[in-house]
């Protein structure tokens, strides 16, 4: 975008869109993993709960 002479506002908007998309993808991945571990896995185990607690720092 710099080479094309686009404005700083355009660049900032694109960066914001990328950050938002990555954040949404991350959240969806973590939620799917939590659902798999808790619902489809037959309930939480001690190891599963430990992993889920570690995952929460990325939300």
Protein backbone atom coordinates (compact mmCIF):
# COMPACT_ATOMS: atom_id res chain seq x y z
CA UNK A 1 0.00 0.00 0.00
CA UNK A 2 2.93 2.31 0.64
CA UNK A 3 4.23 1.76 -2.87
CA UNK A 4 0.79 2.59 -4.26
CA UNK A 5 0.75 5.92 -2.43
CA UNK A 6 -2.26 5.02 -0.28
CA UNK A 7 -3.03 7.19 2.72
CA UNK A 8 -2.12 6.32 6.28
CA UNK A 9 -5.83 6.11 7.04
CA UNK A 10 -6.28 3.41 4.37
CA UNK A 11 -3.35 1.47 5.80
CA UNK A 12 -4.66 1.78 9.35
CA UNK A 13 -8.11 0.57 8.26
CA UNK A 14 -6.60 -2.46 6.52
CA UNK A 15 -4.45 -3.32 9.53
CA UNK A 16 -7.48 -3.05 11.79
CA UNK A 17 -9.44 -5.38 9.50
CA UNK A 18 -6.60 -7.93 9.57
CA UNK A 19 -6.36 -7.76 13.38
CA UNK A 20 -10.10 -8.23 13.68
CA UNK A 21 -10.12 -11.22 11.31
CA UNK A 22 -7.26 -12.90 13.17
CA UNK A 23 -8.95 -12.27 16.52
CA UNK A 24 -12.23 -13.74 15.29
CA UNK A 25 -10.47 -16.80 13.88
CA UNK A 26 -8.57 -17.31 17.14
CA UNK A 27 -11.74 -17.04 19.21
CA UNK A 28 -13.60 -19.50 16.97
CA UNK A 29 -10.74 -22.00 17.13
CA UNK A 30 -10.59 -21.82 20.92
CA UNK A 31 -14.38 -22.08 21.30
CA UNK A 32 -14.50 -25.10 18.98
CA UNK A 33 -11.69 -26.74 20.93
CA UNK A 34 -13.44 -26.09 24.24
CA UNK A 35 -16.69 -27.53 22.91
CA UNK A 36 -14.89 -30.61 21.63
CA UNK A 37 -13.14 -31.18 24.95
CA UNK A 38 -16.17 -30.58 27.14
CA UNK A 39 -19.10 -31.86 25.11
CA UNK A 40 -17.81 -34.40 22.63
CA UNK A 41 -15.01 -35.62 24.88
CA UNK A 42 -17.44 -36.88 27.51
CA UNK A 43 -16.71 -34.22 30.07
CA UNK A 44 -13.67 -32.50 31.47
CA UNK A 45 -10.69 -34.34 32.85
CA UNK A 46 -8.08 -32.76 35.07
CA UNK A 47 -5.75 -32.38 32.06
CA UNK A 48 -8.53 -30.91 29.91
CA UNK A 49 -9.39 -28.32 32.55
CA UNK A 50 -5.73 -27.39 32.90
CA UNK A 51 -5.47 -26.90 29.12
CA UNK A 52 -8.68 -24.87 28.98
CA UNK A 53 -7.44 -22.59 31.76
CA UNK A 54 -4.27 -22.00 29.77
CA UNK A 55 -6.32 -21.25 26.63
CA UNK A 56 -8.32 -18.52 28.38
CA UNK A 57 -5.33 -16.18 28.35
CA UNK A 58 -5.67 -16.00 24.56
CA UNK A 59 -9.30 -14.88 24.60
